[in-house]
């Protein structure tokens, strides 16, 4: 809900103030999380950080501000790599800290947010061009102005694609641990290492590979290729007979996701005017969050009704649909580029 709001505010008032306020909000939310003595305080802590955590769209807008179009995917890839590493290290650190004291994970998260606040305060200048900020302030801050920003050609394709790809991948994320324990009798520790393995590969792809690939092939082709690789990996995963093929398929899935998502966010940011990037990337993140909400529900229902392999199979179907949508979008991109050449 709040990613588009924070994004639009950053278009009007600048990226830096929105990041500073939201990081302080996250710190407050995590402190309440650590000291929560009631269910009400616990929910309040999550609501506060849910609002503040919508700042990822503003962070992506910063990348859009400071990168040239041909380097945009590389910048978005670095954000994706940082996210991937955070999802690997965060739960591991939290698991250690909670065994010492139940309030320590909240304190550590609040400290991380305050460190990020200090880094923004001391090292990050304002990145939004004054002309773009002036242009954004000429438009009212309402749903109509946001709809106008989203009416740009091809933006709708990007929103559909981020929903489909995240929804499909959520089928894997949600049920893989259950499937691996049932199919291969893996321990919780082994499953955790498999997630870390896939996450680290994804971070390497996003942080070091996607920028070069984007310059050579373009974001549109990488989105198609990433969706196709993910479709194949999810489709064949239930047929993996042992750990070796499973590791290979996880690597293919990490490669597919690692090249698709930075390319998709980079393309989305390039399709709109500079004074609209924050708001549009906010809607983009909202579609991503919605997929992370409904995807796990779908996966568990399918797992229970049809069997352990079916979340991956249905996930592959949705990824194939994403591949078709991406191919149509690529064709339109090429026609538009040919028309402006």
Protein backbone atom coordinates (compact mmCIF):
# COMPACT_ATOMS: atom_id res chain seq x y z
CA UNK A 1 0.00 0.00 0.00
CA UNK A 2 2.70 2.50 0.92
CA UNK A 3 5.36 1.88 -1.74
CA UNK A 4 3.54 4.06 -4.31
CA UNK A 5 2.90 6.76 -1.68
CA UNK A 6 6.55 6.95 -0.59
CA UNK A 7 7.63 6.81 -4.21
CA UNK A 8 5.37 9.70 -5.20
CA UNK A 9 6.54 11.71 -2.19
CA UNK A 10 10.13 11.15 -3.27
CA UNK A 11 9.24 12.49 -6.74
CA UNK A 12 7.93 15.68 -5.14
CA UNK A 13 10.27 16.29 -2.19
CA UNK A 14 13.40 14.35 -3.06
CA UNK A 15 14.75 10.85 -2.45
CA UNK A 16 16.96 11.74 0.52
CA UNK A 17 14.28 13.03 2.95
CA UNK A 18 11.98 10.10 2.20
CA UNK A 19 14.79 7.61 2.83
CA UNK A 20 15.83 9.35 6.06
CA UNK A 21 12.33 9.47 7.52
CA UNK A 22 11.47 5.93 6.46
CA UNK A 23 14.68 4.47 7.90
CA UNK A 24 13.98 6.16 11.22
CA UNK A 25 10.47 4.72 11.06
CA UNK A 26 11.88 1.23 10.51
CA UNK A 27 14.20 1.65 13.48
CA UNK A 28 11.25 2.62 15.69
CA UNK A 29 9.23 -0.33 14.40
CA UNK A 30 12.02 -2.79 15.13
CA UNK A 31 12.53 -1.39 18.65
CA UNK A 32 8.83 -1.97 19.35
CA UNK A 33 9.20 -5.45 17.83
CA UNK A 34 11.99 -6.23 20.29
CA UNK A 35 10.21 -4.98 23.40
CA UNK A 36 6.64 -5.93 22.46
CA UNK A 37 4.86 -7.23 25.53
CA UNK A 38 1.44 -7.60 23.95
CA UNK A 39 -0.10 -8.65 20.66
CA UNK A 40 -1.26 -5.07 20.07
CA UNK A 41 2.28 -3.68 20.38
CA UNK A 42 3.56 -6.49 18.16
CA UNK A 43 1.09 -5.60 15.39
CA UNK A 44 1.87 -1.89 15.83
CA UNK A 45 5.56 -2.63 15.29
CA UNK A 46 4.86 -4.45 12.05
CA UNK A 47 2.47 -1.76 10.81
CA UNK A 48 5.07 0.95 11.40
CA UNK A 49 7.79 -0.95 9.60
CA UNK A 50 5.36 -2.03 6.89
CA UNK A 51 4.77 1.64 6.11
CA UNK A 52 8.46 2.54 6.36
CA UNK A 53 9.58 -0.54 4.46
CA UNK A 54 7.88 0.77 1.34
CA UNK A 55 11.06 2.77 0.71
CA UNK A 56 12.49 0.17 -1.69
CA UNK A 57 10.77 2.05 -4.51
CA UNK A 58 12.63 5.20 -3.45
CA UNK A 59 15.93 3.30 -3.37
CA UNK A 60 15.24 2.07 -6.91
CA UNK A 61 14.42 5.65 -7.92
CA UNK A 62 17.85 6.72 -6.63
CA UNK A 63 19.45 4.13 -8.92
CA UNK A 64 17.34 5.42 -11.81
CA UNK A 65 18.47 8.99 -11.03
CA UNK A 66 22.20 8.27 -11.01
CA UNK A 67 22.62 5.70 -13.79
CA UNK A 68 22.63 6.07 -17.52
CA UNK A 69 19.94 4.04 -19.30
CA UNK A 70 22.48 1.50 -20.54
CA UNK A 71 23.75 0.97 -16.96
CA UNK A 72 20.33 0.84 -15.30
CA UNK A 73 20.08 -2.95 -15.13
CA UNK A 74 23.50 -3.14 -13.46
CA UNK A 75 22.36 -0.71 -10.77
CA UNK A 76 19.09 -2.55 -10.20
CA UNK A 77 21.07 -5.79 -10.08
CA UNK A 78 23.19 -4.45 -7.23
CA UNK A 79 20.03 -3.72 -5.23
CA UNK A 80 18.80 -7.23 -5.99
CA UNK A 81 22.14 -8.72 -4.92
CA UNK A 82 22.03 -6.77 -1.66
CA UNK A 83 18.49 -8.00 -1.05
CA UNK A 84 19.53 -11.59 -1.74
CA UNK A 85 22.46 -11.43 0.66
CA UNK A 86 20.24 -9.81 3.27
CA UNK A 87 17.73 -12.64 3.01
CA UNK A 88 20.57 -15.13 3.51
CA UNK A 89 22.33 -13.41 6.41
CA UNK A 90 19.33 -11.88 8.17
CA UNK A 91 17.52 -15.10 9.19
CA UNK A 92 20.83 -16.74 10.14
CA UNK A 93 21.84 -13.84 12.40
CA UNK A 94 18.32 -13.60 13.82
CA UNK A 95 18.32 -17.33 14.59
CA UNK A 96 21.54 -16.99 16.58
CA UNK A 97 20.47 -13.84 18.42
CA UNK A 98 17.03 -15.11 19.45
CA UNK A 99 18.67 -18.07 21.17
CA UNK A 100 20.53 -15.57 23.38
CA UNK A 101 17.60 -13.27 24.15
CA UNK A 102 14.21 -12.84 22.44
CA UNK A 103 14.61 -9.06 22.13
CA UNK A 104 17.99 -9.16 20.38
CA UNK A 105 16.75 -9.66 16.77
CA UNK A 106 14.63 -6.52 17.07
CA UNK A 107 17.56 -4.59 18.52
CA UNK A 108 19.87 -5.79 15.74
CA UNK A 109 17.36 -4.85 13.04
CA UNK A 110 16.87 -1.40 14.60
CA UNK A 111 20.65 -0.94 14.70
CA UNK A 112 20.95 -1.92 11.03
CA UNK A 113 18.27 0.62 10.13
CA UNK A 114 20.05 3.35 12.13
CA UNK A 115 23.35 2.52 10.41
CA UNK A 116 21.59 2.84 7.05
CA UNK A 117 20.11 6.16 8.24
CA UNK A 118 23.58 7.47 9.12
CA UNK A 119 24.97 6.33 5.76
CA UNK A 120 22.23 8.18 3.90
CA UNK A 121 22.67 11.24 6.12
CA UNK A 122 26.43 11.46 5.64
CA UNK A 123 27.15 9.91 2.24
CA UNK A 124 24.09 10.16 -0.01
CA UNK A 125 23.41 13.53 -1.67
CA UNK A 126 20.04 14.31 -3.18
CA UNK A 127 19.84 12.53 -6.53
CA UNK A 128 16.57 13.87 -7.96
CA UNK A 129 17.10 16.54 -10.58
CA UNK A 130 15.58 19.87 -9.45
CA UNK A 131 13.75 20.19 -12.77
CA UNK A 132 12.12 16.77 -12.29
CA UNK A 133 11.13 17.69 -8.73
CA UNK A 134 9.59 20.94 -9.97
CA UNK A 135 7.68 19.07 -12.66
CA UNK A 136 6.37 16.54 -10.12
CA UNK A 137 5.10 19.33 -7.86
CA UNK A 138 3.08 20.73 -10.76
CA UNK A 139 0.88 17.62 -10.62
CA UNK A 140 -1.49 16.90 -7.72
CA UNK A 141 -0.61 14.02 -5.40
CA UNK A 142 -3.63 11.83 -6.11
CA UNK A 143 -4.64 8.57 -7.76
CA UNK A 144 -5.45 10.27 -11.05
CA UNK A 145 -1.90 11.55 -11.46
CA UNK A 146 -0.59 8.08 -10.61
CA UNK A 147 -2.90 6.50 -13.19
CA UNK A 148 -1.58 8.94 -15.78
CA UNK A 149 1.98 7.88 -14.96
CA UNK A 150 1.00 4.23 -15.34
CA UNK A 151 -0.62 4.89 -18.72
CA UNK A 152 2.79 4.96 -20.39
CA UNK A 153 3.09 2.31 -23.10
CA UNK A 154 4.50 -1.01 -21.92
CA UNK A 155 4.42 -0.18 -18.18
CA UNK A 156 1.36 -2.42 -17.82
CA UNK A 157 3.35 -5.30 -19.31
CA UNK A 158 6.05 -4.79 -16.67
CA UNK A 159 3.51 -4.81 -13.84
CA UNK A 160 1.92 -8.02 -15.12
CA UNK A 161 5.35 -9.59 -15.49
CA UNK A 162 6.56 -8.74 -12.00
CA UNK A 163 3.37 -10.23 -10.56
CA UNK A 164 3.58 -13.43 -12.61
CA UNK A 165 7.28 -14.06 -12.00
CA UNK A 166 7.15 -13.35 -8.26
CA UNK A 167 3.94 -15.37 -7.90
CA UNK A 168 5.52 -18.33 -9.69
CA UNK A 169 8.75 -18.11 -7.69
CA UNK A 170 6.76 -17.88 -4.44
CA UNK A 171 5.41 -21.35 -5.23
CA UNK A 172 8.99 -22.61 -5.00
CA UNK A 173 10.00 -20.56 -1.97
CA UNK A 174 6.98 -21.56 0.08
CA UNK A 175 6.97 -25.31 -0.42
CA UNK A 176 10.56 -26.25 -1.28
CA UNK A 177 11.50 -27.04 2.33
CA UNK A 178 8.46 -29.30 2.72
CA UNK A 179 9.13 -30.98 -0.62
CA UNK A 180 12.86 -31.53 0.03
CA UNK A 181 12.17 -33.07 3.43
CA UNK A 182 9.50 -35.37 2.00
CA UNK A 183 11.27 -36.29 -1.27
CA UNK A 184 14.91 -36.52 -0.16
CA UNK A 185 14.64 -36.70 3.67
CA UNK A 186 16.86 -33.61 3.91
CA UNK A 187 17.38 -32.11 7.36
CA UNK A 188 16.43 -28.53 8.19
CA UNK A 189 20.13 -27.62 8.15
CA UNK A 190 20.62 -29.08 4.66
CA UNK A 191 17.57 -27.24 3.35
CA UNK A 192 18.85 -23.99 4.82
CA UNK A 193 22.18 -24.49 3.02
CA UNK A 194 20.33 -25.14 -0.25
CA UNK A 195 18.46 -21.84 0.12
CA UNK A 196 21.75 -20.10 0.90
CA UNK A 197 23.33 -21.72 -2.16
CA UNK A 198 20.54 -20.53 -4.46
CA UNK A 199 20.48 -17.08 -2.85
CA UNK A 200 24.25 -16.65 -3.18
CA UNK A 201 24.17 -17.68 -6.85
CA UNK A 202 21.36 -15.21 -7.48
CA UNK A 203 23.31 -12.44 -5.75
CA UNK A 204 26.39 -13.19 -7.89
CA UNK A 205 24.32 -13.09 -11.08
CA UNK A 206 22.59 -9.84 -10.13
CA UNK A 207 25.66 -8.14 -8.76
CA UNK A 208 28.21 -9.12 -11.36
CA UNK A 209 26.64 -10.52 -14.52
CA UNK A 210 23.36 -8.85 -15.35
CA UNK A 211 24.89 -5.45 -16.18
CA UNK A 212 27.15 -6.85 -18.87
CA UNK A 213 24.43 -9.05 -20.29
CA UNK A 214 22.03 -6.12 -20.42
CA UNK A 215 24.45 -4.00 -22.42
CA UNK A 216 24.91 -6.81 -24.92
CA UNK A 217 21.36 -8.13 -25.28
CA UNK A 218 19.04 -5.48 -23.78
CA UNK A 219 16.59 -5.79 -20.90
CA UNK A 220 13.73 -7.15 -23.01
CA UNK A 221 15.65 -10.22 -24.18
CA UNK A 222 16.98 -10.88 -20.68
CA UNK A 223 13.44 -10.85 -19.26
CA UNK A 224 12.35 -13.42 -21.84
CA UNK A 225 15.44 -15.57 -21.23
CA UNK A 226 15.08 -15.34 -17.45
CA UNK A 227 11.44 -16.37 -17.52
CA UNK A 228 12.24 -19.25 -19.89
CA UNK A 229 15.08 -20.56 -17.67
CA UNK A 230 12.86 -20.29 -14.60
CA UNK A 231 10.06 -22.15 -16.39
CA UNK A 232 12.40 -25.00 -17.26
CA UNK A 233 13.94 -25.18 -13.78
CA UNK A 234 10.58 -25.24 -11.99
CA UNK A 235 9.13 -27.73 -14.46
CA UNK A 236 11.98 -30.22 -14.13
CA UNK A 237 12.59 -29.79 -10.41
CA UNK A 238 10.04 -32.45 -9.31
CA UNK A 239 11.82 -34.95 -11.58
CA UNK A 240 15.27 -34.42 -9.99
CA UNK A 241 16.35 -37.91 -8.82
CA UNK A 242 19.15 -36.89 -6.47
CA UNK A 243 21.05 -34.01 -4.93
CA UNK A 244 23.31 -33.36 -7.95
CA UNK A 245 20.55 -32.67 -10.50
CA UNK A 246 18.68 -30.72 -7.82
CA UNK A 247 21.68 -28.43 -7.32
CA UNK A 248 21.94 -27.94 -11.08
CA UNK A 249 18.25 -26.99 -11.37
CA UNK A 250 18.55 -24.58 -8.43
CA UNK A 251 21.46 -22.94 -10.25
CA UNK A 252 19.36 -22.57 -13.42
CA UNK A 253 16.51 -21.09 -11.37
CA UNK A 254 18.89 -18.65 -9.66
CA UNK A 255 20.27 -17.61 -13.06
CA UNK A 256 16.78 -17.10 -14.50
CA UNK A 257 15.56 -15.04 -11.58
CA UNK A 258 18.85 -13.18 -11.34
CA UNK A 259 18.74 -11.87 -14.89
CA UNK A 260 14.98 -11.32 -15.13
CA UNK A 261 14.18 -9.16 -12.12
CA UNK A 262 16.88 -6.46 -12.36
CA UNK A 263 16.18 -6.21 -16.09
CA UNK A 264 12.46 -5.84 -15.43
CA UNK A 265 12.85 -3.12 -12.80
CA UNK A 266 15.40 -1.31 -14.96
CA UNK A 267 13.10 -1.37 -17.98
CA UNK A 268 10.16 -0.13 -15.91
CA UNK A 269 12.14 2.86 -14.66
CA UNK A 270 13.25 3.71 -18.22
CA UNK A 271 9.70 3.76 -19.60
CA UNK A 272 8.55 6.79 -17.56
CA UNK A 273 9.62 10.39 -17.08
CA UNK A 274 12.16 11.22 -14.32
CA UNK A 275 9.49 12.99 -12.23
CA UNK A 276 7.34 9.83 -12.25
CA UNK A 277 9.93 7.15 -11.47
CA UNK A 278 9.34 7.03 -7.71
CA UNK A 279 5.59 6.61 -7.96
CA UNK A 280 5.71 4.05 -10.77
CA UNK A 281 8.40 1.99 -9.03
CA UNK A 282 6.18 2.12 -5.95
CA UNK A 283 3.32 0.53 -7.87
CA UNK A 284 5.84 -1.97 -9.27
CA UNK A 285 6.82 -2.93 -5.70
CA UNK A 286 3.15 -3.17 -4.72
CA UNK A 287 2.54 -5.73 -7.47
CA UNK A 288 5.60 -7.62 -6.25
CA UNK A 289 4.33 -7.56 -2.66
CA UNK A 290 0.85 -8.68 -3.73
CA UNK A 291 2.40 -11.67 -5.52
CA UNK A 292 4.35 -12.53 -2.35
CA UNK A 293 1.06 -12.53 -0.43
CA UNK A 294 -1.14 -14.62 -2.73
CA UNK A 295 1.62 -16.86 -4.16
CA UNK A 296 2.30 -18.73 -0.89
CA UNK A 297 -1.44 -19.26 -0.29
CA UNK A 298 -1.80 -20.76 -3.75
CA UNK A 299 1.27 -22.94 -3.25
CA UNK A 300 0.10 -24.43 0.02
CA UNK A 301 -3.41 -25.10 -1.27
CA UNK A 302 -2.01 -26.86 -4.35
CA UNK A 303 0.50 -28.75 -2.20
CA UNK A 304 -2.28 -30.05 0.03
CA UNK A 305 -4.86 -30.76 -2.68
CA UNK A 306 -2.75 -32.11 -5.57
CA UNK A 307 0.55 -33.24 -4.09
CA UNK A 308 4.06 -32.10 -3.24
CA UNK A 309 5.23 -31.66 -6.85
CA UNK A 310 2.35 -29.49 -7.99
CA UNK A 311 3.41 -26.10 -6.62
CA UNK A 312 6.49 -26.34 -8.88
CA UNK A 313 4.42 -27.49 -11.84
CA UNK A 314 1.85 -24.71 -11.47
CA UNK A 315 4.70 -22.28 -10.84
CA UNK A 316 6.27 -23.36 -14.14
CA UNK A 317 2.94 -22.75 -15.91
CA UNK A 318 2.76 -19.20 -14.57
CA UNK A 319 6.42 -18.68 -15.52
CA UNK A 320 5.65 -19.88 -19.05
CA UNK A 321 2.80 -17.37 -19.18
CA UNK A 322 5.28 -14.71 -18.06
CA UNK A 323 7.61 -15.80 -20.86
CA UNK A 324 4.82 -15.33 -23.43
CA UNK A 325 3.93 -11.89 -22.05
CA UNK A 326 7.62 -10.92 -22.06
CA UNK A 327 7.96 -12.04 -25.69
CA UNK A 328 4.98 -9.90 -26.71
CA UNK A 329 6.45 -6.95 -24.80
CA UNK A 330 9.84 -7.48 -26.47
CA UNK A 331 8.21 -7.43 -29.91
CA UNK A 332 6.50 -4.12 -29.09
CA UNK A 333 9.74 -2.70 -27.71
CA UNK A 334 11.54 -3.60 -30.91
CA UNK A 335 8.78 -2.04 -33.04
CA UNK A 336 8.94 1.14 -30.98
CA UNK A 337 12.73 1.30 -31.24
CA UNK A 338 12.54 0.70 -34.99
CA UNK A 339 10.00 3.53 -35.28
CA UNK A 340 12.24 5.99 -33.46
CA UNK A 341 15.47 4.93 -35.19
